[in-house]
Amino acid sequence: MSEVLEDLPFDELRHRAFRKAEHRVDIGFFTGVFSHMPGMHAIEGEGGDLGSTGGTIIETVRAAHEMFAKNPDLDPDTEALLRARFATYVREHGG
């Protein structure tokens, strides 16, 4: 029987997806995650551009980890969206 990723604790699922994206050096994954975070929409609306989230992959990954450390309690809609995104990413890139 295969594992149902959506049933994993959120932090474990996030960790798996982050680890895969780091290994693949997939900066697009991380900018996609940023785009789903409520605070990032305010930045984008103020003339910022999520696509230009600058820095190296190391800086981007660090920023993503810090974002979740500082915002451990996501609203249910955001958590559900990210949970689906993380599960899909893990499935697409080898569970």
Protein backbone atom coordinates (compact mmCIF):
# COMPACT_ATOMS: atom_id res chain seq x y z
CA MET A 1 0.00 0.00 0.00
CA SER A 2 1.39 3.37 -0.95
CA GLU A 3 1.78 6.20 1.49
CA VAL A 4 -0.84 8.96 1.38
CA LEU A 5 1.32 12.07 1.48
CA GLU A 6 -1.57 14.38 2.36
CA ASP A 7 -2.02 12.42 5.61
CA LEU A 8 1.50 13.23 6.83
CA PRO A 9 1.99 15.98 9.40
CA PHE A 10 2.37 19.31 7.59
CA ASP A 11 5.95 19.90 8.77
CA GLU A 12 7.08 16.44 7.64
CA LEU A 13 5.51 16.90 4.22
CA ARG A 14 7.06 20.37 3.91
CA HIS A 15 10.44 18.99 4.93
CA ARG A 16 10.27 16.27 2.26
CA ALA A 17 9.30 18.74 -0.45
CA PHE A 18 11.97 21.25 0.62
CA ARG A 19 14.63 18.53 0.70
CA LYS A 20 13.73 17.41 -2.83
CA ALA A 21 13.66 20.97 -4.16
CA GLU A 22 17.01 21.74 -2.51
CA HIS A 23 18.53 18.61 -4.04
CA ARG A 24 17.17 19.57 -7.47
CA VAL A 25 18.24 23.22 -6.98
CA ASP A 26 14.66 24.14 -7.90
CA ILE A 27 14.39 27.84 -7.13
CA GLY A 28 11.06 27.94 -8.99
CA PHE A 29 9.56 25.65 -6.34
CA PHE A 30 10.55 28.04 -3.58
CA THR A 31 9.32 31.16 -5.37
CA GLY A 32 6.06 29.29 -5.94
CA VAL A 33 5.82 28.60 -2.20
CA PHE A 34 6.49 32.28 -1.47
CA SER A 35 3.65 33.25 -3.80
CA HIS A 36 1.19 31.26 -1.68
CA MET A 37 2.11 32.97 1.57
CA PRO A 38 -0.31 35.76 2.53
CA GLY A 39 2.37 38.32 3.42
CA MET A 40 4.04 37.96 0.05
CA HIS A 41 0.96 39.26 -1.78
CA ALA A 42 1.36 42.59 0.01
CA ILE A 43 4.98 42.81 -1.17
CA GLU A 44 3.97 41.97 -4.72
CA GLY A 45 1.26 44.63 -4.61
CA GLU A 46 3.76 47.27 -3.52
CA GLY A 47 5.76 46.97 -6.71
CA GLY A 48 7.74 43.93 -5.67
CA ASP A 49 8.14 40.97 -7.96
CA LEU A 50 8.09 37.45 -6.59
CA GLY A 51 10.00 36.29 -9.64
CA SER A 52 12.92 38.45 -8.62
CA THR A 53 13.21 37.01 -5.14
CA GLY A 54 16.94 37.47 -5.37
CA GLY A 55 19.93 35.68 -4.06
CA THR A 56 21.42 32.28 -4.38
CA ILE A 57 19.50 29.05 -3.94
CA ILE A 58 21.03 28.83 -0.46
CA GLU A 59 19.65 32.25 0.48
CA THR A 60 16.26 31.41 -1.01
CA VAL A 61 16.05 28.09 0.85
CA ARG A 62 17.12 29.79 4.08
CA ALA A 63 14.42 32.44 3.60
CA ALA A 64 11.79 29.74 3.02
CA HIS A 65 12.82 27.87 6.19
CA GLU A 66 12.75 31.12 8.18
CA MET A 67 9.35 32.06 6.79
CA PHE A 68 7.83 28.84 8.13
CA ALA A 69 9.69 29.12 11.43
CA LYS A 70 8.28 32.62 11.97
CA ASN A 71 4.76 31.69 10.75
CA PRO A 72 4.08 28.26 12.24
CA ASP A 73 0.30 28.75 12.31
CA LEU A 74 -1.02 29.17 8.79
CA ASP A 75 -4.67 29.81 8.09
CA PRO A 76 -6.47 26.60 7.06
CA ASP A 77 -6.85 27.61 3.40
CA THR A 78 -3.16 28.43 3.00
CA GLU A 79 -2.12 25.23 4.76
CA ALA A 80 -4.40 23.12 2.54
CA LEU A 81 -3.02 24.79 -0.59
CA LEU A 82 0.59 24.28 0.48
CA ARG A 83 -0.09 20.70 1.62
CA ALA A 84 -1.41 19.87 -1.86
CA ARG A 85 1.56 21.65 -3.50
CA PHE A 86 4.10 19.81 -1.34
CA ALA A 87 2.46 16.40 -1.88
CA THR A 88 2.31 16.94 -5.64
CA TYR A 89 5.95 18.02 -5.73
CA VAL A 90 7.11 14.99 -3.75
CA ARG A 91 5.09 12.65 -5.98
CA GLU A 92 6.35 14.25 -9.20
CA HIS A 93 9.96 14.00 -8.11
CA GLY A 94 10.17 10.51 -6.73
CA GLY A 95 8.27 10.27 -3.44
